[in-house]
Full PDB file with SEQRES, HELIX, SHEET, SSBOND, CRYST1, ORIGX, SCALE, CONECT and MASTER records, all heavy atoms in Angstrom:
SEQRES   1 A   37  GLN GLY ILE VAL ASP LEU SER TRP VAL ASN PRO GLY TYR          
SEQRES   2 A   37  THR ALA GLY ARG PHE PRO ILE TYR SER ALA THR GLU LEU          
SEQRES   3 A   37  PRO PHE MET SER ASP ASP ASN VAL ASN GLY THR                  
HELIX    1 AA1 PRO A   11  TYR A   13  5                                   3    
HELIX    2 AA2 TYR A   21  GLU A   25  5                                   5    
HELIX    3 AA3 ASN A   33  GLY A   36  1                                   4    
CRYST1    1.000    1.000    1.000  90.00  90.00  90.00 P 1           1          
ORIGX1      1.000000  0.000000  0.000000        0.00000                         
ORIGX2      0.000000  1.000000  0.000000        0.00000                         
ORIGX3      0.000000  0.000000  1.000000        0.00000                         
SCALE1      1.000000  0.000000  0.000000        0.00000                         
SCALE2      0.000000  1.000000  0.000000        0.00000                         
SCALE3      0.000000  0.000000  1.000000        0.00000                         
ATOM      1  N   GLN A   1     128.265 132.096  85.904  1.00  0.00           N  
ATOM      2  CA  GLN A   1     129.443 131.953  86.762  1.00  0.00           C  
ATOM      3  C   GLN A   1     129.484 132.951  87.915  1.00  0.00           C  
ATOM      4  O   GLN A   1     130.404 132.919  88.731  1.00  0.00           O  
ATOM      5  CB  GLN A   1     130.706 132.091  85.909  1.00  0.00           C  
ATOM      6  CG  GLN A   1     130.859 130.989  84.868  1.00  0.00           C  
ATOM      7  CD  GLN A   1     131.974 131.270  83.872  1.00  0.00           C  
ATOM      8  OE1 GLN A   1     132.782 132.193  84.053  1.00  0.00           O  
ATOM      9  NE2 GLN A   1     132.020 130.488  82.805  1.00  0.00           N  
ATOM     10  N   GLY A   2     128.500 133.853  87.972  1.00  0.00           N  
ATOM     11  CA  GLY A   2     128.440 134.800  89.078  1.00  0.00           C  
ATOM     12  C   GLY A   2     129.331 136.011  88.926  1.00  0.00           C  
ATOM     13  O   GLY A   2     129.551 136.754  89.892  1.00  0.00           O  
ATOM     14  N   ILE A   3     129.843 136.239  87.721  1.00  0.00           N  
ATOM     15  CA  ILE A   3     130.616 137.456  87.481  1.00  0.00           C  
ATOM     16  C   ILE A   3     129.712 138.673  87.643  1.00  0.00           C  
ATOM     17  O   ILE A   3     130.128 139.730  88.123  1.00  0.00           O  
ATOM     18  CB  ILE A   3     131.257 137.419  86.084  1.00  0.00           C  
ATOM     19  CG1 ILE A   3     132.251 136.251  86.008  1.00  0.00           C  
ATOM     20  CG2 ILE A   3     131.946 138.733  85.745  1.00  0.00           C  
ATOM     21  CD1 ILE A   3     132.767 135.968  84.616  1.00  0.00           C  
ATOM     22  N   VAL A   4     128.450 138.513  87.221  1.00  0.00           N  
ATOM     23  CA  VAL A   4     127.405 139.511  87.466  1.00  0.00           C  
ATOM     24  C   VAL A   4     126.188 138.776  88.016  1.00  0.00           C  
ATOM     25  O   VAL A   4     126.090 137.554  87.932  1.00  0.00           O  
ATOM     26  CB  VAL A   4     127.028 140.286  86.184  1.00  0.00           C  
ATOM     27  CG1 VAL A   4     128.205 141.091  85.671  1.00  0.00           C  
ATOM     28  CG2 VAL A   4     126.507 139.344  85.099  1.00  0.00           C  
ATOM     29  N   ASP A   5     125.263 139.531  88.563  1.00  0.00           N  
ATOM     30  CA  ASP A   5     124.041 138.918  89.099  1.00  0.00           C  
ATOM     31  C   ASP A   5     122.990 138.727  88.010  1.00  0.00           C  
ATOM     32  O   ASP A   5     122.254 137.732  88.008  1.00  0.00           O  
ATOM     33  CB  ASP A   5     123.465 139.789  90.214  1.00  0.00           C  
ATOM     34  CG  ASP A   5     124.463 140.014  91.333  1.00  0.00           C  
ATOM     35  OD1 ASP A   5     124.787 139.030  92.033  1.00  0.00           O  
ATOM     36  OD2 ASP A   5     124.934 141.164  91.489  1.00  0.00           O  
ATOM     37  N   LEU A   6     122.924 139.695  87.088  1.00  0.00           N  
ATOM     38  CA  LEU A   6     121.935 139.674  86.018  1.00  0.00           C  
ATOM     39  C   LEU A   6     122.624 140.045  84.714  1.00  0.00           C  
ATOM     40  O   LEU A   6     123.501 140.915  84.703  1.00  0.00           O  
ATOM     41  CB  LEU A   6     120.814 140.687  86.287  1.00  0.00           C  
ATOM     42  CG  LEU A   6     119.936 140.467  87.517  1.00  0.00           C  
ATOM     43  CD1 LEU A   6     119.513 141.807  88.109  1.00  0.00           C  
ATOM     44  CD2 LEU A   6     118.696 139.659  87.155  1.00  0.00           C  
ATOM     45  N   SER A   7     122.228 139.398  83.628  1.00  0.00           N  
ATOM     46  CA  SER A   7     122.798 139.798  82.341  1.00  0.00           C  
ATOM     47  C   SER A   7     121.764 139.652  81.236  1.00  0.00           C  
ATOM     48  O   SER A   7     120.868 138.807  81.292  1.00  0.00           O  
ATOM     49  CB  SER A   7     124.050 138.991  82.003  1.00  0.00           C  
ATOM     50  OG  SER A   7     123.743 137.634  81.771  1.00  0.00           O  
ATOM     51  N   TRP A   8     121.928 140.491  80.239  1.00  0.00           N  
ATOM     52  CA  TRP A   8     121.039 140.557  79.066  1.00  0.00           C  
ATOM     53  C   TRP A   8     121.728 139.794  77.950  1.00  0.00           C  
ATOM     54  O   TRP A   8     122.773 140.203  77.461  1.00  0.00           O  
ATOM     55  CB  TRP A   8     120.819 142.019  78.715  1.00  0.00           C  
ATOM     56  CG  TRP A   8     119.696 142.350  77.808  1.00  0.00           C  
ATOM     57  CD1 TRP A   8     118.359 142.312  78.088  1.00  0.00           C  
ATOM     58  CD2 TRP A   8     119.798 142.854  76.466  1.00  0.00           C  
ATOM     59  NE1 TRP A   8     117.638 142.764  77.009  1.00  0.00           N  
ATOM     60  CE2 TRP A   8     118.489 143.097  75.990  1.00  0.00           C  
ATOM     61  CE3 TRP A   8     120.874 143.118  75.607  1.00  0.00           C  
ATOM     62  CZ2 TRP A   8     118.229 143.589  74.723  1.00  0.00           C  
ATOM     63  CZ3 TRP A   8     120.615 143.610  74.343  1.00  0.00           C  
ATOM     64  CH2 TRP A   8     119.306 143.836  73.912  1.00  0.00           C  
ATOM     65  N   VAL A   9     121.148 138.669  77.570  1.00  0.00           N  
ATOM     66  CA  VAL A   9     121.824 137.689  76.713  1.00  0.00           C  
ATOM     67  C   VAL A   9     121.135 137.576  75.361  1.00  0.00           C  
ATOM     68  O   VAL A   9     119.904 137.503  75.297  1.00  0.00           O  
ATOM     69  CB  VAL A   9     121.820 136.301  77.396  1.00  0.00           C  
ATOM     70  CG1 VAL A   9     122.464 135.249  76.503  1.00  0.00           C  
ATOM     71  CG2 VAL A   9     122.500 136.367  78.757  1.00  0.00           C  
ATOM     72  N   ASN A  10     121.933 137.542  74.297  1.00  0.00           N  
ATOM     73  CA  ASN A  10     121.412 137.167  72.987  1.00  0.00           C  
ATOM     74  C   ASN A  10     121.868 135.735  72.721  1.00  0.00           C  
ATOM     75  O   ASN A  10     123.022 135.501  72.365  1.00  0.00           O  
ATOM     76  CB  ASN A  10     121.939 138.095  71.895  1.00  0.00           C  
ATOM     77  CG  ASN A  10     121.315 137.793  70.537  1.00  0.00           C  
ATOM     78  OD1 ASN A  10     120.851 136.681  70.275  1.00  0.00           O  
ATOM     79  ND2 ASN A  10     121.293 138.777  69.657  1.00  0.00           N  
ATOM     80  N   PRO A  11     120.974 134.737  72.900  1.00  0.00           N  
ATOM     81  CA  PRO A  11     121.375 133.343  72.692  1.00  0.00           C  
ATOM     82  C   PRO A  11     121.885 133.077  71.284  1.00  0.00           C  
ATOM     83  O   PRO A  11     122.674 132.150  71.077  1.00  0.00           O  
ATOM     84  CB  PRO A  11     120.082 132.561  72.973  1.00  0.00           C  
ATOM     85  CG  PRO A  11     119.309 133.446  73.901  1.00  0.00           C  
ATOM     86  CD  PRO A  11     119.590 134.836  73.399  1.00  0.00           C  
ATOM     87  N   GLY A  12     121.472 133.884  70.320  1.00  0.00           N  
ATOM     88  CA  GLY A  12     121.912 133.707  68.948  1.00  0.00           C  
ATOM     89  C   GLY A  12     123.373 134.029  68.722  1.00  0.00           C  
ATOM     90  O   GLY A  12     123.931 133.694  67.672  1.00  0.00           O  
ATOM     91  N   TYR A  13     124.019 134.669  69.705  1.00  0.00           N  
ATOM     92  CA  TYR A  13     125.437 134.988  69.579  1.00  0.00           C  
ATOM     93  C   TYR A  13     126.340 133.785  69.867  1.00  0.00           C  
ATOM     94  O   TYR A  13     127.552 133.861  69.675  1.00  0.00           O  
ATOM     95  CB  TYR A  13     125.817 136.139  70.517  1.00  0.00           C  
ATOM     96  CG  TYR A  13     125.407 137.511  70.022  1.00  0.00           C  
ATOM     97  CD1 TYR A  13     125.633 138.641  70.788  1.00  0.00           C  
ATOM     98  CD2 TYR A  13     124.780 137.685  68.789  1.00  0.00           C  
ATOM     99  CE1 TYR A  13     125.260 139.913  70.348  1.00  0.00           C  
ATOM    100  CE2 TYR A  13     124.400 138.942  68.337  1.00  0.00           C  
ATOM    101  CZ  TYR A  13     124.648 140.050  69.121  1.00  0.00           C  
ATOM    102  OH  TYR A  13     124.281 141.298  68.682  1.00  0.00           O  
ATOM    103  N   THR A  14     125.743 132.718  70.386  1.00  0.00           N  
ATOM    104  CA  THR A  14     126.517 131.496  70.663  1.00  0.00           C  
ATOM    105  C   THR A  14     125.839 130.348  69.911  1.00  0.00           C  
ATOM    106  O   THR A  14     125.107 129.552  70.498  1.00  0.00           O  
ATOM    107  CB  THR A  14     126.578 131.207  72.167  1.00  0.00           C  
ATOM    108  OG1 THR A  14     125.263 131.285  72.731  1.00  0.00           O  
ATOM    109  CG2 THR A  14     127.468 132.216  72.869  1.00  0.00           C  
ATOM    110  N   ALA A  15     126.092 130.289  68.624  1.00  0.00           N  
ATOM    111  CA  ALA A  15     125.416 129.333  67.744  1.00  0.00           C  
ATOM    112  C   ALA A  15     125.580 127.903  68.235  1.00  0.00           C  
ATOM    113  O   ALA A  15     126.679 127.473  68.571  1.00  0.00           O  
ATOM    114  CB  ALA A  15     125.965 129.466  66.328  1.00  0.00           C  
ATOM    115  N   GLY A  16     124.457 127.180  68.287  1.00  0.00           N  
ATOM    116  CA  GLY A  16     124.474 125.775  68.639  1.00  0.00           C  
ATOM    117  C   GLY A  16     124.381 125.481  70.119  1.00  0.00           C  
ATOM    118  O   GLY A  16     124.160 124.337  70.513  1.00  0.00           O  
ATOM    119  N   ARG A  17     124.507 126.494  70.957  1.00  0.00           N  
ATOM    120  CA  ARG A  17     124.522 126.252  72.407  1.00  0.00           C  
ATOM    121  C   ARG A  17     123.119 126.069  72.980  1.00  0.00           C  
ATOM    122  O   ARG A  17     122.934 125.318  73.945  1.00  0.00           O  
ATOM    123  CB  ARG A  17     125.221 127.409  73.118  1.00  0.00           C  
ATOM    124  CG  ARG A  17     125.419 127.151  74.597  1.00  0.00           C  
ATOM    125  CD  ARG A  17     126.298 128.193  75.233  1.00  0.00           C  
ATOM    126  NE  ARG A  17     126.531 127.914  76.634  1.00  0.00           N  
ATOM    127  CZ  ARG A  17     127.265 128.679  77.445  1.00  0.00           C  
ATOM    128  NH1 ARG A  17     127.860 129.761  76.966  1.00  0.00           N  
ATOM    129  NH2 ARG A  17     127.422 128.360  78.719  1.00  0.00           N  
ATOM    130  N   PHE A  18     122.147 126.757  72.393  1.00  0.00           N  
ATOM    131  CA  PHE A  18     120.772 126.686  72.886  1.00  0.00           C  
ATOM    132  C   PHE A  18     119.840 126.282  71.738  1.00  0.00           C  
ATOM    133  O   PHE A  18     119.064 127.102  71.235  1.00  0.00           O  
ATOM    134  CB  PHE A  18     120.349 128.039  73.470  1.00  0.00           C  
ATOM    135  CG  PHE A  18     121.300 128.601  74.496  1.00  0.00           C  
ATOM    136  CD1 PHE A  18     122.144 129.657  74.184  1.00  0.00           C  
ATOM    137  CD2 PHE A  18     121.364 128.047  75.765  1.00  0.00           C  
ATOM    138  CE1 PHE A  18     123.030 130.174  75.116  1.00  0.00           C  
ATOM    139  CE2 PHE A  18     122.247 128.555  76.715  1.00  0.00           C  
ATOM    140  CZ  PHE A  18     123.089 129.623  76.394  1.00  0.00           C  
ATOM    141  N   PRO A  19     119.919 125.032  71.297  1.00  0.00           N  
ATOM    142  CA  PRO A  19     119.178 124.635  70.098  1.00  0.00           C  
ATOM    143  C   PRO A  19     117.662 124.772  70.225  1.00  0.00           C  
ATOM    144  O   PRO A  19     116.996 125.132  69.255  1.00  0.00           O  
ATOM    145  CB  PRO A  19     119.587 123.172  69.887  1.00  0.00           C  
ATOM    146  CG  PRO A  19     120.151 122.728  71.202  1.00  0.00           C  
ATOM    147  CD  PRO A  19     120.754 123.935  71.815  1.00  0.00           C  
ATOM    148  N   ILE A  20     117.109 124.501  71.402  1.00  0.00           N  
ATOM    149  CA  ILE A  20     115.652 124.642  71.555  1.00  0.00           C  
ATOM    150  C   ILE A  20     115.265 126.110  71.408  1.00  0.00           C  
ATOM    151  O   ILE A  20     114.358 126.456  70.643  1.00  0.00           O  
ATOM    152  CB  ILE A  20     115.177 124.079  72.907  1.00  0.00           C  
ATOM    153  CG1 ILE A  20     115.378 122.562  72.954  1.00  0.00           C  
ATOM    154  CG2 ILE A  20     113.684 124.415  73.128  1.00  0.00           C  
ATOM    155  CD1 ILE A  20     115.064 121.937  74.297  1.00  0.00           C  
ATOM    156  N   TYR A  21     115.966 126.978  72.132  1.00  0.00           N  
ATOM    157  CA  TYR A  21     115.622 128.398  72.080  1.00  0.00           C  
ATOM    158  C   TYR A  21     115.761 128.973  70.680  1.00  0.00           C  
ATOM    159  O   TYR A  21     115.050 129.918  70.315  1.00  0.00           O  
ATOM    160  CB  TYR A  21     116.500 129.196  73.048  1.00  0.00           C  
ATOM    161  CG  TYR A  21     116.015 130.609  73.242  1.00  0.00           C  
ATOM    162  CD1 TYR A  21     114.994 130.882  74.144  1.00  0.00           C  
ATOM    163  CD2 TYR A  21     116.535 131.664  72.498  1.00  0.00           C  
ATOM    164  CE1 TYR A  21     114.511 132.171  74.305  1.00  0.00           C  
ATOM    165  CE2 TYR A  21     116.063 132.951  72.653  1.00  0.00           C  
ATOM    166  CZ  TYR A  21     115.048 133.201  73.556  1.00  0.00           C  
ATOM    167  OH  TYR A  21     114.556 134.474  73.700  1.00  0.00           O  
ATOM    168  N   SER A  22     116.647 128.403  69.881  1.00  0.00           N  
ATOM    169  CA  SER A  22     116.875 128.965  68.549  1.00  0.00           C  
ATOM    170  C   SER A  22     115.665 128.810  67.632  1.00  0.00           C  
ATOM    171  O   SER A  22     115.651 129.380  66.538  1.00  0.00           O  
ATOM    172  CB  SER A  22     118.115 128.341  67.897  1.00  0.00           C  
ATOM    173  OG  SER A  22     117.947 126.965  67.657  1.00  0.00           O  
ATOM    174  N   ALA A  23     114.630 128.113  68.067  1.00  0.00           N  
ATOM    175  CA  ALA A  23     113.368 128.112  67.305  1.00  0.00           C  
ATOM    176  C   ALA A  23     112.828 129.527  67.192  1.00  0.00           C  
ATOM    177  O   ALA A  23     112.158 129.877  66.211  1.00  0.00           O  
ATOM    178  CB  ALA A  23     112.332 127.207  67.973  1.00  0.00           C  
ATOM    179  N   THR A  24     113.136 130.370  68.176  1.00  0.00           N  
ATOM    180  CA  THR A  24     112.661 131.759  68.150  1.00  0.00           C  
ATOM    181  C   THR A  24     113.334 132.562  67.047  1.00  0.00           C  
ATOM    182  O   THR A  24     112.863 133.642  66.694  1.00  0.00           O  
ATOM    183  CB  THR A  24     112.920 132.453  69.499  1.00  0.00           C  
ATOM    184  OG1 THR A  24     114.332 132.567  69.727  1.00  0.00           O  
ATOM    185  CG2 THR A  24     112.297 131.655  70.636  1.00  0.00           C  
ATOM    186  N   GLU A  25     114.449 132.047  66.504  1.00  0.00           N  
ATOM    187  CA  GLU A  25     115.176 132.738  65.443  1.00  0.00           C  
ATOM    188  C   GLU A  25     114.684 132.352  64.047  1.00  0.00           C  
ATOM    189  O   GLU A  25     115.064 132.990  63.062  1.00  0.00           O  
ATOM    190  CB  GLU A  25     116.665 132.423  65.540  1.00  0.00           C  
ATOM    191  CG  GLU A  25     117.299 132.845  66.855  1.00  0.00           C  
ATOM    192  CD  GLU A  25     118.735 132.365  66.982  1.00  0.00           C  
ATOM    193  OE1 GLU A  25     119.262 131.800  65.997  1.00  0.00           O  
ATOM    194  OE2 GLU A  25     119.330 132.543  68.053  1.00  0.00           O  
ATOM    195  N   LEU A  26     113.868 131.299  63.957  1.00  0.00           N  
ATOM    196  CA  LEU A  26     113.385 130.864  62.649  1.00  0.00           C  
ATOM    197  C   LEU A  26     112.575 131.985  61.996  1.00  0.00           C  
ATOM    198  O   LEU A  26     111.727 132.603  62.648  1.00  0.00           O  
ATOM    199  CB  LEU A  26     112.521 129.613  62.786  1.00  0.00           C  
ATOM    200  CG  LEU A  26     113.252 128.346  63.235  1.00  0.00           C  
ATOM    201  CD1 LEU A  26     112.239 127.237  63.552  1.00  0.00           C  
ATOM    202  CD2 LEU A  26     114.241 127.877  62.178  1.00  0.00           C  
ATOM    203  N   PRO A  27     112.824 132.272  60.720  1.00  0.00           N  
ATOM    204  CA  PRO A  27     112.105 133.379  60.075  1.00  0.00           C  
ATOM    205  C   PRO A  27     110.630 133.070  59.833  1.00  0.00           C  
ATOM    206  O   PRO A  27     110.225 131.903  59.759  1.00  0.00           O  
ATOM    207  CB  PRO A  27     112.858 133.554  58.749  1.00  0.00           C  
ATOM    208  CG  PRO A  27     113.526 132.252  58.505  1.00  0.00           C  
ATOM    209  CD  PRO A  27     113.827 131.657  59.841  1.00  0.00           C  
ATOM    210  N   PHE A  28     109.851 134.144  59.741  1.00  0.00           N  
ATOM    211  CA  PHE A  28     108.437 134.083  59.351  1.00  0.00           C  
ATOM    212  C   PHE A  28     107.571 133.281  60.336  1.00  0.00           C  
ATOM    213  O   PHE A  28     106.617 132.624  59.947  1.00  0.00           O  
ATOM    214  CB  PHE A  28     108.291 133.511  57.932  1.00  0.00           C  
ATOM    215  CG  PHE A  28     109.324 134.007  56.973  1.00  0.00           C  
ATOM    216  CD1 PHE A  28     110.149 133.137  56.285  1.00  0.00           C  
ATOM    217  CD2 PHE A  28     109.502 135.369  56.773  1.00  0.00           C  
ATOM    218  CE1 PHE A  28     111.125 133.596  55.407  1.00  0.00           C  
ATOM    219  CE2 PHE A  28     110.477 135.850  55.908  1.00  0.00           C  
ATOM    220  CZ  PHE A  28     111.288 134.950  55.229  1.00  0.00           C  
ATOM    221  N   MET A  29     107.911 133.355  61.630  1.00  0.00           N  
ATOM    222  CA  MET A  29     107.136 132.654  62.652  1.00  0.00           C  
ATOM    223  C   MET A  29     106.170 133.588  63.384  1.00  0.00           C  
ATOM    224  O   MET A  29     105.059 133.206  63.716  1.00  0.00           O  
ATOM    225  CB  MET A  29     108.062 131.994  63.672  1.00  0.00           C  
ATOM    226  CG  MET A  29     108.944 130.894  63.112  1.00  0.00           C  
ATOM    227  SD  MET A  29     108.006 129.412  62.649  1.00  0.00           S  
ATOM    228  CE  MET A  29     107.639 128.741  64.256  1.00  0.00           C  
ATOM    229  N   SER A  30     106.624 134.821  63.653  1.00  0.00           N  
ATOM    230  CA  SER A  30     105.812 135.744  64.455  1.00  0.00           C  
ATOM    231  C   SER A  30     105.777 137.120  63.815  1.00  0.00           C  
ATOM    232  O   SER A  30     106.761 137.564  63.218  1.00  0.00           O  
ATOM    233  CB  SER A  30     106.388 135.858  65.874  1.00  0.00           C  
ATOM    234  OG  SER A  30     105.657 136.790  66.642  1.00  0.00           O  
ATOM    235  N   ASP A  31     104.643 137.788  63.933  1.00  0.00           N  
ATOM    236  CA  ASP A  31     104.516 139.148  63.402  1.00  0.00           C  
ATOM    237  C   ASP A  31     104.250 140.171  64.505  1.00  0.00           C  
ATOM    238  O   ASP A  31     103.867 141.306  64.239  1.00  0.00           O  
ATOM    239  CB  ASP A  31     103.404 139.214  62.348  1.00  0.00           C  
ATOM    240  CG  ASP A  31     102.034 138.864  62.915  1.00  0.00           C  
ATOM    241  OD1 ASP A  31     101.925 138.595  64.139  1.00  0.00           O  
ATOM    242  OD2 ASP A  31     101.055 138.850  62.136  1.00  0.00           O  
ATOM    243  N   ASP A  32     104.449 139.786  65.765  1.00  0.00           N  
ATOM    244  CA  ASP A  32     104.141 140.672  66.895  1.00  0.00           C  
ATOM    245  C   ASP A  32     105.123 140.360  68.022  1.00  0.00           C  
ATOM    246  O   ASP A  32     105.056 139.293  68.627  1.00  0.00           O  
ATOM    247  CB  ASP A  32     102.704 140.433  67.355  1.00  0.00           C  
ATOM    248  CG  ASP A  32     102.276 141.324  68.513  1.00  0.00           C  
ATOM    249  OD1 ASP A  32     103.149 141.793  69.262  1.00  0.00           O  
ATOM    250  OD2 ASP A  32     101.065 141.539  68.681  1.00  0.00           O  
ATOM    251  N   ASN A  33     106.022 141.292  68.300  1.00  0.00           N  
ATOM    252  CA  ASN A  33     107.025 140.974  69.320  1.00  0.00           C  
ATOM    253  C   ASN A  33     106.488 141.081  70.736  1.00  0.00           C  
ATOM    254  O   ASN A  33     106.965 140.374  71.634  1.00  0.00           O  
ATOM    255  CB  ASN A  33     108.247 141.886  69.169  1.00  0.00           C  
ATOM    256  CG  ASN A  33     107.997 143.298  69.655  1.00  0.00           C  
ATOM    257  OD1 ASN A  33     107.044 143.952  69.229  1.00  0.00           O  
ATOM    258  ND2 ASN A  33     108.846 143.799  70.546  1.00  0.00           N  
ATOM    259  N   VAL A  34     105.494 141.929  70.983  1.00  0.00           N  
ATOM    260  CA  VAL A  34     104.986 142.092  72.347  1.00  0.00           C  
ATOM    261  C   VAL A  34     104.284 140.810  72.795  1.00  0.00           C  
ATOM    262  O   VAL A  34     104.641 140.203  73.821  1.00  0.00           O  
ATOM    263  CB  VAL A  34     104.042 143.300  72.447  1.00  0.00           C  
ATOM    264  CG1 VAL A  34     103.458 143.400  73.857  1.00  0.00           C  
ATOM    265  CG2 VAL A  34     104.782 144.586  72.094  1.00  0.00           C  
ATOM    266  N   ASN A  35     103.294 140.370  72.026  1.00  0.00           N  
ATOM    267  CA  ASN A  35     102.641 139.114  72.358  1.00  0.00           C  
ATOM    268  C   ASN A  35     103.539 137.919  72.071  1.00  0.00           C  
ATOM    269  O   ASN A  35     103.447 136.880  72.728  1.00  0.00           O  
ATOM    270  CB  ASN A  35     101.326 138.985  71.575  1.00  0.00           C  
ATOM    271  CG  ASN A  35     100.262 139.916  72.100  1.00  0.00           C  
ATOM    272  OD1 ASN A  35     100.214 140.216  73.288  1.00  0.00           O  
ATOM    273  ND2 ASN A  35      99.409 140.403  71.229  1.00  0.00           N  
ATOM    274  N   GLY A  36     104.417 138.090  71.083  1.00  0.00           N  
ATOM    275  CA  GLY A  36     105.340 137.017  70.751  1.00  0.00           C  
ATOM    276  C   GLY A  36     106.280 136.685  71.896  1.00  0.00           C  
ATOM    277  O   GLY A  36     106.571 135.514  72.157  1.00  0.00           O  
ATOM    278  N   THR A  37     106.772 137.709  72.610  1.00  0.00           N  
ATOM    279  CA  THR A  37     107.671 137.433  73.725  1.00  0.00           C  
ATOM    280  C   THR A  37     106.934 136.791  74.897  1.00  0.00           C  
ATOM    281  O   THR A  37     107.511 135.986  75.626  1.00  0.00           O  
ATOM    282  CB  THR A  37     108.384 138.712  74.194  1.00  0.00           C  
ATOM    283  OG1 THR A  37     107.426 139.742  74.432  1.00  0.00           O  
ATOM    284  CG2 THR A  37     109.393 139.178  73.186  1.00  0.00           C  
TER     285      THR A  37                                                      
MASTER        0    0    0    3    0    0    0    6  284    1    0    3          
END                                                                             
């Protein structure tokens, strides 16, 4: 909405809003956050 220019968002804080992205929340998928991101 332009209240800020940039924001740091946790999509998991709004359950159901970003269903595709929530695949990243599934447990036991990745063991490395640097390459994982």
